[in-house]
N, C-alpha and C. Protein backbone atom coordinates (compact mmCIF):
# COMPACT_ATOMS: atom_id res chain seq x y z
N MET A 1 -102.82 54.79 34.34
CA MET A 1 -103.21 53.43 34.07
C MET A 1 -104.58 53.42 33.39
N ASP A 2 -104.67 52.78 32.24
CA ASP A 2 -105.91 52.71 31.47
C ASP A 2 -106.73 51.50 31.91
N ILE A 3 -107.86 51.73 32.56
CA ILE A 3 -108.69 50.65 33.09
C ILE A 3 -109.19 49.71 32.00
N ASN A 4 -109.37 50.21 30.78
CA ASN A 4 -109.85 49.37 29.68
C ASN A 4 -108.82 48.32 29.27
N ASN A 5 -107.56 48.57 29.53
CA ASN A 5 -106.52 47.61 29.17
C ASN A 5 -105.89 46.91 30.37
N LEU A 6 -106.36 47.22 31.57
CA LEU A 6 -105.77 46.67 32.78
C LEU A 6 -105.77 45.14 32.80
N PHE A 7 -106.86 44.54 32.35
CA PHE A 7 -106.97 43.08 32.35
C PHE A 7 -107.08 42.53 30.93
N SER A 8 -106.59 43.25 29.96
CA SER A 8 -106.71 42.83 28.57
C SER A 8 -105.89 41.58 28.28
N VAL A 9 -106.48 40.68 27.49
CA VAL A 9 -105.78 39.48 27.03
C VAL A 9 -105.66 39.50 25.50
N LYS A 10 -106.05 40.60 24.92
CA LYS A 10 -106.04 40.73 23.46
C LYS A 10 -104.64 40.44 22.89
N GLY A 11 -104.62 39.63 21.82
CA GLY A 11 -103.38 39.32 21.14
C GLY A 11 -102.61 38.14 21.74
N LYS A 12 -103.16 37.53 22.77
CA LYS A 12 -102.49 36.40 23.41
C LYS A 12 -102.91 35.09 22.74
N VAL A 13 -102.25 34.00 23.15
CA VAL A 13 -102.51 32.67 22.60
C VAL A 13 -102.86 31.73 23.76
N ALA A 14 -103.96 30.98 23.59
CA ALA A 14 -104.40 30.05 24.62
C ALA A 14 -104.57 28.65 24.05
N VAL A 15 -104.41 27.67 24.92
CA VAL A 15 -104.71 26.27 24.61
C VAL A 15 -105.74 25.82 25.62
N VAL A 16 -106.86 25.28 25.13
CA VAL A 16 -107.93 24.79 26.00
C VAL A 16 -108.19 23.33 25.65
N THR A 17 -107.83 22.41 26.56
CA THR A 17 -108.13 21.01 26.31
C THR A 17 -109.60 20.77 26.66
N GLY A 18 -110.22 19.85 25.94
CA GLY A 18 -111.64 19.64 26.15
C GLY A 18 -112.42 20.89 25.80
N GLY A 19 -111.99 21.58 24.75
CA GLY A 19 -112.55 22.89 24.42
C GLY A 19 -113.78 22.89 23.53
N SER A 20 -114.32 21.74 23.20
CA SER A 20 -115.43 21.71 22.24
C SER A 20 -116.81 21.73 22.88
N ARG A 21 -116.87 21.58 24.21
CA ARG A 21 -118.19 21.60 24.86
C ARG A 21 -118.04 21.93 26.34
N GLY A 22 -119.15 22.21 26.97
CA GLY A 22 -119.18 22.45 28.41
C GLY A 22 -118.33 23.63 28.84
N ILE A 23 -117.65 23.45 29.96
CA ILE A 23 -116.82 24.51 30.53
C ILE A 23 -115.72 24.92 29.55
N GLY A 24 -115.12 23.94 28.87
CA GLY A 24 -114.06 24.25 27.89
C GLY A 24 -114.55 25.15 26.78
N GLU A 25 -115.75 24.89 26.29
CA GLU A 25 -116.33 25.75 25.25
C GLU A 25 -116.57 27.16 25.77
N MET A 26 -117.05 27.26 27.00
CA MET A 26 -117.30 28.58 27.58
C MET A 26 -116.00 29.37 27.77
N ILE A 27 -114.96 28.69 28.23
CA ILE A 27 -113.66 29.36 28.39
C ILE A 27 -113.13 29.80 27.04
N THR A 28 -113.24 28.91 26.05
CA THR A 28 -112.80 29.24 24.69
C THR A 28 -113.55 30.46 24.17
N ALA A 29 -114.86 30.48 24.32
CA ALA A 29 -115.67 31.61 23.86
C ALA A 29 -115.24 32.90 24.55
N GLY A 30 -114.97 32.84 25.85
CA GLY A 30 -114.53 34.03 26.58
C GLY A 30 -113.21 34.56 26.06
N PHE A 31 -112.28 33.66 25.80
CA PHE A 31 -111.00 34.09 25.23
C PHE A 31 -111.19 34.71 23.86
N LEU A 32 -111.93 34.04 22.99
CA LEU A 32 -112.14 34.54 21.63
C LEU A 32 -112.83 35.90 21.64
N ALA A 33 -113.81 36.06 22.50
CA ALA A 33 -114.55 37.33 22.59
C ALA A 33 -113.64 38.48 23.01
N ASN A 34 -112.51 38.14 23.63
CA ASN A 34 -111.59 39.17 24.12
C ASN A 34 -110.28 39.20 23.36
N GLY A 35 -110.29 38.69 22.11
CA GLY A 35 -109.15 38.86 21.22
C GLY A 35 -108.02 37.86 21.35
N VAL A 36 -108.29 36.67 21.92
CA VAL A 36 -107.27 35.64 22.09
C VAL A 36 -107.40 34.59 20.99
N LYS A 37 -106.28 34.19 20.42
CA LYS A 37 -106.23 33.07 19.48
C LYS A 37 -106.24 31.80 20.34
N VAL A 38 -107.14 30.84 20.01
CA VAL A 38 -107.31 29.68 20.87
C VAL A 38 -107.16 28.37 20.08
N TYR A 39 -106.36 27.47 20.64
CA TYR A 39 -106.26 26.10 20.15
C TYR A 39 -107.11 25.23 21.07
N ILE A 40 -108.00 24.42 20.49
CA ILE A 40 -108.82 23.53 21.31
C ILE A 40 -108.55 22.08 20.92
N SER A 41 -108.71 21.21 21.90
CA SER A 41 -108.53 19.78 21.64
C SER A 41 -109.71 19.00 22.18
N ALA A 42 -109.92 17.84 21.58
CA ALA A 42 -110.89 16.84 22.03
C ALA A 42 -110.64 15.59 21.21
N ARG A 43 -111.18 14.48 21.66
CA ARG A 43 -110.97 13.22 20.94
C ARG A 43 -111.87 13.08 19.74
N LYS A 44 -113.06 13.64 19.78
CA LYS A 44 -114.04 13.48 18.70
C LYS A 44 -113.84 14.57 17.66
N ALA A 45 -113.10 14.21 16.58
CA ALA A 45 -112.69 15.17 15.56
C ALA A 45 -113.85 15.93 14.92
N PRO A 46 -114.90 15.26 14.43
CA PRO A 46 -115.96 16.01 13.73
C PRO A 46 -116.60 17.09 14.61
N ALA A 47 -116.93 16.76 15.85
CA ALA A 47 -117.55 17.74 16.76
C ALA A 47 -116.58 18.87 17.08
N LEU A 48 -115.31 18.54 17.27
CA LEU A 48 -114.29 19.54 17.58
C LEU A 48 -114.12 20.52 16.42
N ILE A 49 -114.01 20.00 15.23
CA ILE A 49 -113.82 20.85 14.04
C ILE A 49 -115.04 21.74 13.82
N GLU A 50 -116.22 21.17 13.96
CA GLU A 50 -117.45 21.96 13.80
C GLU A 50 -117.53 23.07 14.84
N LYS A 51 -117.19 22.75 16.09
CA LYS A 51 -117.24 23.77 17.16
C LYS A 51 -116.24 24.88 16.90
N ALA A 52 -115.03 24.53 16.46
CA ALA A 52 -114.01 25.54 16.17
C ALA A 52 -114.47 26.46 15.04
N GLU A 53 -115.08 25.91 14.01
CA GLU A 53 -115.59 26.73 12.91
C GLU A 53 -116.69 27.67 13.39
N ASP A 54 -117.61 27.15 14.19
CA ASP A 54 -118.71 27.98 14.72
C ASP A 54 -118.18 29.12 15.59
N LEU A 55 -117.26 28.80 16.48
CA LEU A 55 -116.72 29.83 17.39
C LEU A 55 -115.88 30.86 16.63
N SER A 56 -115.13 30.40 15.63
CA SER A 56 -114.32 31.34 14.83
C SER A 56 -115.22 32.34 14.13
N LYS A 57 -116.30 31.86 13.55
CA LYS A 57 -117.24 32.75 12.85
C LYS A 57 -117.94 33.69 13.84
N LYS A 58 -118.39 33.15 14.95
CA LYS A 58 -119.13 33.95 15.92
C LYS A 58 -118.31 35.10 16.48
N TYR A 59 -117.03 34.85 16.76
CA TYR A 59 -116.19 35.86 17.41
C TYR A 59 -115.18 36.51 16.48
N ASP A 60 -115.17 36.10 15.22
CA ASP A 60 -114.24 36.63 14.23
C ASP A 60 -112.80 36.57 14.74
N MET A 61 -112.46 35.42 15.31
CA MET A 61 -111.12 35.15 15.84
C MET A 61 -110.73 33.73 15.46
N GLU A 62 -109.44 33.44 15.55
CA GLU A 62 -108.96 32.10 15.22
C GLU A 62 -109.18 31.12 16.36
N CYS A 63 -109.96 30.09 16.07
CA CYS A 63 -110.13 28.96 16.98
C CYS A 63 -109.68 27.74 16.19
N ILE A 64 -108.57 27.16 16.58
CA ILE A 64 -107.93 26.10 15.81
C ILE A 64 -108.13 24.76 16.50
N PRO A 65 -108.81 23.82 15.83
CA PRO A 65 -109.03 22.50 16.42
C PRO A 65 -107.85 21.57 16.18
N ILE A 66 -107.47 20.83 17.21
CA ILE A 66 -106.45 19.79 17.07
C ILE A 66 -107.01 18.53 17.74
N PRO A 67 -107.62 17.65 16.93
CA PRO A 67 -108.15 16.41 17.50
C PRO A 67 -107.01 15.54 18.02
N CYS A 68 -107.16 15.02 19.24
CA CYS A 68 -106.12 14.16 19.81
C CYS A 68 -106.64 13.48 21.06
N ASP A 69 -105.92 12.46 21.47
CA ASP A 69 -106.20 11.75 22.72
C ASP A 69 -105.09 12.10 23.70
N LEU A 70 -105.38 12.97 24.63
CA LEU A 70 -104.39 13.43 25.58
C LEU A 70 -104.16 12.46 26.74
N SER A 71 -104.85 11.33 26.72
CA SER A 71 -104.65 10.36 27.80
C SER A 71 -103.40 9.51 27.58
N THR A 72 -102.74 9.69 26.43
CA THR A 72 -101.51 8.94 26.16
C THR A 72 -100.35 9.91 25.95
N LYS A 73 -99.15 9.45 26.24
CA LYS A 73 -97.95 10.26 26.02
C LYS A 73 -97.79 10.57 24.54
N ASP A 74 -98.07 9.59 23.66
CA ASP A 74 -97.99 9.84 22.22
C ASP A 74 -98.97 10.91 21.78
N GLY A 75 -100.18 10.88 22.33
CA GLY A 75 -101.17 11.90 22.00
C GLY A 75 -100.74 13.28 22.45
N ILE A 76 -100.16 13.36 23.63
CA ILE A 76 -99.65 14.63 24.16
C ILE A 76 -98.51 15.14 23.28
N ASP A 77 -97.58 14.26 22.95
CA ASP A 77 -96.44 14.66 22.13
C ASP A 77 -96.88 15.17 20.76
N ASP A 78 -97.86 14.50 20.15
CA ASP A 78 -98.37 14.93 18.85
C ASP A 78 -99.06 16.29 18.97
N PHE A 79 -99.85 16.47 20.00
CA PHE A 79 -100.56 17.73 20.23
C PHE A 79 -99.57 18.89 20.39
N VAL A 80 -98.57 18.69 21.24
CA VAL A 80 -97.57 19.74 21.48
C VAL A 80 -96.77 20.02 20.21
N SER A 81 -96.47 18.99 19.46
CA SER A 81 -95.74 19.15 18.20
C SER A 81 -96.53 20.01 17.21
N GLN A 82 -97.83 19.76 17.13
CA GLN A 82 -98.67 20.55 16.21
C GLN A 82 -98.73 22.01 16.63
N ILE A 83 -98.85 22.27 17.91
CA ILE A 83 -98.89 23.66 18.37
C ILE A 83 -97.52 24.32 18.19
N SER A 84 -96.45 23.60 18.51
CA SER A 84 -95.09 24.14 18.37
C SER A 84 -94.75 24.48 16.93
N SER A 85 -95.35 23.78 15.99
CA SER A 85 -95.08 24.08 14.58
C SER A 85 -95.77 25.37 14.13
N LYS A 86 -96.73 25.86 14.93
CA LYS A 86 -97.48 27.06 14.56
C LYS A 86 -97.21 28.25 15.47
N GLU A 87 -96.74 27.99 16.69
CA GLU A 87 -96.56 29.06 17.67
C GLU A 87 -95.16 29.00 18.30
N ASN A 88 -94.62 30.18 18.60
CA ASN A 88 -93.35 30.25 19.32
C ASN A 88 -93.57 30.24 20.83
N GLY A 89 -94.79 30.50 21.24
CA GLY A 89 -95.11 30.51 22.66
C GLY A 89 -96.61 30.59 22.87
N ILE A 90 -97.04 30.25 24.08
CA ILE A 90 -98.44 30.39 24.45
C ILE A 90 -98.52 31.13 25.79
N ASP A 91 -99.67 31.75 26.02
CA ASP A 91 -99.86 32.54 27.23
C ASP A 91 -100.72 31.83 28.27
N PHE A 92 -101.62 30.95 27.80
CA PHE A 92 -102.53 30.25 28.71
C PHE A 92 -102.61 28.78 28.32
N LEU A 93 -102.52 27.91 29.30
CA LEU A 93 -102.80 26.49 29.12
C LEU A 93 -103.92 26.15 30.09
N ILE A 94 -105.07 25.80 29.54
CA ILE A 94 -106.23 25.44 30.35
C ILE A 94 -106.40 23.92 30.25
N ASN A 95 -106.01 23.20 31.28
CA ASN A 95 -106.16 21.75 31.33
C ASN A 95 -107.57 21.43 31.80
N ASN A 96 -108.46 21.23 30.85
CA ASN A 96 -109.87 21.04 31.14
C ASN A 96 -110.40 19.67 30.72
N ALA A 97 -109.69 18.96 29.86
CA ALA A 97 -110.17 17.66 29.38
C ALA A 97 -110.36 16.71 30.55
N GLY A 98 -111.44 15.95 30.51
CA GLY A 98 -111.70 14.99 31.58
C GLY A 98 -112.68 13.94 31.14
N ALA A 99 -112.73 12.86 31.89
CA ALA A 99 -113.63 11.76 31.58
C ALA A 99 -114.20 11.19 32.87
N ALA A 100 -115.35 10.56 32.74
CA ALA A 100 -115.96 9.81 33.83
C ALA A 100 -116.12 8.37 33.33
N TRP A 101 -116.45 7.47 34.22
CA TRP A 101 -116.60 6.07 33.84
C TRP A 101 -117.89 5.55 34.45
N GLY A 102 -118.70 4.86 33.67
CA GLY A 102 -120.05 4.48 34.09
C GLY A 102 -120.19 3.13 34.75
N GLU A 103 -119.37 2.83 35.73
CA GLU A 103 -119.54 1.58 36.48
C GLU A 103 -119.87 1.91 37.92
N THR A 104 -120.54 0.97 38.58
CA THR A 104 -120.86 1.17 39.99
C THR A 104 -119.59 1.12 40.83
N PHE A 105 -119.67 1.67 42.00
CA PHE A 105 -118.55 1.67 42.93
C PHE A 105 -118.06 0.24 43.17
N GLU A 106 -118.99 -0.67 43.40
CA GLU A 106 -118.63 -2.05 43.70
C GLU A 106 -117.97 -2.77 42.53
N ASN A 107 -118.30 -2.38 41.32
CA ASN A 107 -117.80 -3.07 40.13
C ASN A 107 -116.82 -2.24 39.30
N PHE A 108 -116.36 -1.14 39.86
CA PHE A 108 -115.47 -0.25 39.10
C PHE A 108 -114.22 -1.01 38.70
N SER A 109 -113.95 -1.07 37.40
CA SER A 109 -112.85 -1.88 36.87
C SER A 109 -111.53 -1.12 36.88
N GLU A 110 -110.47 -1.89 36.84
CA GLU A 110 -109.14 -1.29 36.74
C GLU A 110 -108.98 -0.54 35.43
N GLY A 111 -109.54 -1.07 34.34
CA GLY A 111 -109.47 -0.38 33.05
C GLY A 111 -110.17 0.96 33.08
N GLY A 112 -111.34 1.01 33.72
CA GLY A 112 -112.05 2.28 33.88
C GLY A 112 -111.27 3.26 34.72
N TRP A 113 -110.71 2.76 35.82
CA TRP A 113 -109.88 3.59 36.70
C TRP A 113 -108.71 4.18 35.92
N ASP A 114 -108.02 3.31 35.15
CA ASP A 114 -106.86 3.78 34.38
C ASP A 114 -107.25 4.84 33.36
N LYS A 115 -108.37 4.64 32.67
CA LYS A 115 -108.82 5.62 31.67
C LYS A 115 -109.08 6.98 32.32
N VAL A 116 -109.79 6.97 33.42
CA VAL A 116 -110.12 8.22 34.12
C VAL A 116 -108.86 8.90 34.65
N MET A 117 -108.00 8.14 35.30
CA MET A 117 -106.79 8.73 35.88
C MET A 117 -105.81 9.20 34.81
N ASP A 118 -105.71 8.45 33.70
CA ASP A 118 -104.81 8.86 32.62
C ASP A 118 -105.21 10.22 32.04
N LEU A 119 -106.50 10.44 31.85
CA LEU A 119 -106.94 11.72 31.27
C LEU A 119 -107.06 12.81 32.33
N ASN A 120 -107.66 12.49 33.46
CA ASN A 120 -107.98 13.51 34.45
C ASN A 120 -106.79 13.94 35.31
N VAL A 121 -105.80 13.09 35.44
CA VAL A 121 -104.68 13.41 36.33
C VAL A 121 -103.35 13.39 35.58
N LYS A 122 -103.01 12.25 35.02
CA LYS A 122 -101.70 12.09 34.40
C LYS A 122 -101.50 13.04 33.22
N SER A 123 -102.52 13.20 32.39
CA SER A 123 -102.34 14.01 31.18
C SER A 123 -102.07 15.48 31.49
N LEU A 124 -102.72 16.03 32.50
CA LEU A 124 -102.47 17.46 32.76
C LEU A 124 -101.05 17.70 33.24
N PHE A 125 -100.47 16.76 33.98
CA PHE A 125 -99.08 16.90 34.39
C PHE A 125 -98.15 16.83 33.18
N PHE A 126 -98.30 15.77 32.37
CA PHE A 126 -97.38 15.57 31.25
C PHE A 126 -97.60 16.59 30.14
N LEU A 127 -98.83 17.08 29.97
CA LEU A 127 -99.05 18.14 28.98
C LEU A 127 -98.39 19.44 29.44
N THR A 128 -98.55 19.78 30.69
CA THR A 128 -97.91 21.00 31.21
C THR A 128 -96.39 20.88 31.10
N GLN A 129 -95.86 19.72 31.44
CA GLN A 129 -94.43 19.49 31.33
C GLN A 129 -93.96 19.67 29.88
N ALA A 130 -94.70 19.09 28.93
CA ALA A 130 -94.33 19.17 27.51
C ALA A 130 -94.47 20.57 26.95
N MET A 131 -95.34 21.38 27.54
CA MET A 131 -95.57 22.74 27.04
C MET A 131 -94.74 23.79 27.77
N LYS A 132 -93.88 23.37 28.67
CA LYS A 132 -93.11 24.32 29.47
C LYS A 132 -92.37 25.33 28.61
N SER A 133 -91.67 24.88 27.57
CA SER A 133 -90.89 25.82 26.75
C SER A 133 -91.80 26.82 26.04
N LEU A 134 -92.98 26.39 25.61
CA LEU A 134 -93.93 27.32 24.98
C LEU A 134 -94.46 28.33 26.00
N LEU A 135 -94.71 27.87 27.21
CA LEU A 135 -95.20 28.76 28.27
C LEU A 135 -94.14 29.77 28.70
N VAL A 136 -92.92 29.32 28.84
CA VAL A 136 -91.82 30.19 29.26
C VAL A 136 -91.50 31.23 28.19
N SER A 137 -91.62 30.84 26.94
CA SER A 137 -91.27 31.73 25.83
C SER A 137 -92.02 33.06 25.86
N ASN A 138 -93.28 33.05 26.21
CA ASN A 138 -94.08 34.28 26.23
C ASN A 138 -94.12 34.95 27.60
N ALA A 139 -93.55 34.33 28.62
CA ALA A 139 -93.68 34.82 30.00
C ALA A 139 -92.67 35.90 30.35
N SER A 140 -93.10 36.78 31.22
CA SER A 140 -92.21 37.78 31.82
C SER A 140 -92.63 37.94 33.27
N LEU A 141 -91.83 38.64 34.06
CA LEU A 141 -92.21 38.88 35.46
C LEU A 141 -93.48 39.71 35.54
N GLU A 142 -93.63 40.65 34.62
CA GLU A 142 -94.80 41.52 34.61
C GLU A 142 -96.04 40.83 34.07
N ASP A 143 -95.84 39.85 33.19
CA ASP A 143 -96.95 39.18 32.52
C ASP A 143 -96.63 37.70 32.34
N PRO A 144 -96.72 36.92 33.43
CA PRO A 144 -96.39 35.49 33.33
C PRO A 144 -97.43 34.72 32.53
N SER A 145 -97.01 33.59 31.98
CA SER A 145 -97.96 32.67 31.38
C SER A 145 -98.73 32.01 32.51
N ARG A 146 -99.91 31.50 32.19
CA ARG A 146 -100.75 30.90 33.22
C ARG A 146 -101.14 29.48 32.84
N VAL A 147 -101.18 28.60 33.84
CA VAL A 147 -101.67 27.23 33.68
C VAL A 147 -102.83 27.08 34.66
N ILE A 148 -103.97 26.68 34.13
CA ILE A 148 -105.16 26.48 34.96
C ILE A 148 -105.61 25.04 34.81
N ASN A 149 -105.70 24.33 35.93
CA ASN A 149 -106.14 22.94 35.94
C ASN A 149 -107.56 22.89 36.49
N ILE A 150 -108.46 22.29 35.73
CA ILE A 150 -109.87 22.24 36.10
C ILE A 150 -110.25 20.81 36.45
N GLY A 151 -110.94 20.65 37.58
CA GLY A 151 -111.47 19.35 37.98
C GLY A 151 -112.98 19.44 38.05
N SER A 152 -113.62 18.30 38.06
CA SER A 152 -115.07 18.26 38.06
C SER A 152 -115.60 17.71 39.37
N ILE A 153 -116.79 18.14 39.74
CA ILE A 153 -117.47 17.57 40.89
C ILE A 153 -118.37 16.41 40.47
N ASP A 154 -118.23 15.96 39.23
CA ASP A 154 -119.07 14.90 38.70
C ASP A 154 -119.03 13.66 39.58
N ALA A 155 -117.90 13.35 40.18
CA ALA A 155 -117.79 12.16 41.03
C ALA A 155 -118.73 12.24 42.23
N LEU A 156 -119.01 13.44 42.71
CA LEU A 156 -119.92 13.59 43.84
C LEU A 156 -121.36 13.33 43.45
N MET A 157 -121.66 13.44 42.16
CA MET A 157 -123.02 13.27 41.67
C MET A 157 -123.27 11.89 41.10
N TYR A 158 -122.32 11.02 41.20
CA TYR A 158 -122.38 9.72 40.56
C TYR A 158 -123.60 8.94 41.05
N GLN A 159 -124.54 8.64 40.15
CA GLN A 159 -125.82 8.08 40.54
C GLN A 159 -125.77 6.63 40.99
N HIS A 160 -124.76 5.88 40.59
CA HIS A 160 -124.68 4.48 40.99
C HIS A 160 -124.03 4.29 42.35
N PHE A 161 -123.44 5.33 42.86
CA PHE A 161 -122.76 5.29 44.15
C PHE A 161 -123.79 5.55 45.24
N GLN A 162 -123.99 4.61 46.12
CA GLN A 162 -125.00 4.75 47.15
C GLN A 162 -124.32 4.97 48.50
N PRO A 163 -124.14 6.23 48.89
CA PRO A 163 -123.42 6.54 50.12
C PRO A 163 -124.05 5.91 51.35
N SER A 164 -125.36 5.70 51.35
CA SER A 164 -126.01 5.15 52.54
C SER A 164 -125.52 3.74 52.84
N LEU A 165 -125.00 3.02 51.84
CA LEU A 165 -124.47 1.69 52.08
C LEU A 165 -123.10 1.73 52.75
N ILE A 166 -122.39 2.83 52.56
CA ILE A 166 -121.06 2.98 53.15
C ILE A 166 -121.17 3.60 54.53
N ALA A 167 -121.97 4.62 54.65
CA ALA A 167 -122.15 5.33 55.91
C ALA A 167 -123.64 5.45 56.19
N PRO A 168 -124.30 4.37 56.65
CA PRO A 168 -125.76 4.37 56.79
C PRO A 168 -126.30 5.45 57.74
N GLN A 169 -125.48 5.91 58.68
CA GLN A 169 -125.96 6.92 59.61
C GLN A 169 -126.03 8.31 58.99
N LYS A 170 -125.45 8.48 57.80
CA LYS A 170 -125.45 9.80 57.14
C LYS A 170 -126.18 9.71 55.82
N GLN A 171 -126.82 10.78 55.43
CA GLN A 171 -127.53 10.85 54.16
C GLN A 171 -126.64 11.40 53.06
N GLN A 172 -125.45 11.85 53.40
CA GLN A 172 -124.57 12.50 52.43
C GLN A 172 -123.17 11.96 52.60
N PHE A 173 -122.49 11.80 51.48
CA PHE A 173 -121.10 11.36 51.50
C PHE A 173 -120.27 12.48 50.90
N ILE A 174 -119.31 13.00 51.63
CA ILE A 174 -118.50 14.13 51.16
C ILE A 174 -117.07 13.64 50.97
N ILE A 175 -116.53 13.93 49.82
CA ILE A 175 -115.15 13.55 49.53
C ILE A 175 -114.26 14.73 49.84
């Protein structure tokens, strides 16, 4: 067994949602640095395209931007269609796209709730469902495809939420 190839991902294909900044950018960079072709998505096309160009040059690997809104079924379908037209299969799906909403706990709107839940919860399910055939195509018992769902602790840090008003006897609110 060659230890240098034991955990190799070289030559594989990954999809990283929310791949243009933060954790998504770091995951993308790690894949590219180790020989993985990466498709990244985000809603803001100019920033996404610029990040993909920068990462492609830095790691001398393909980083392909696909601007889209994954909070809608149409956005998911378009995204999957674009990847399917270029790839017969993928090895990694990293569901990292997410959003927060800037309203106080007391005034949190239904529209804000829907936006957050559509992107942070609903989209990762429907995107994984839509990508099943691409994930299965490259999978084997020895080397299965992987789906990684990432959540944020941002809700715990929400500055407008005052836990002392809900539980005055405690200084901390834990979800």
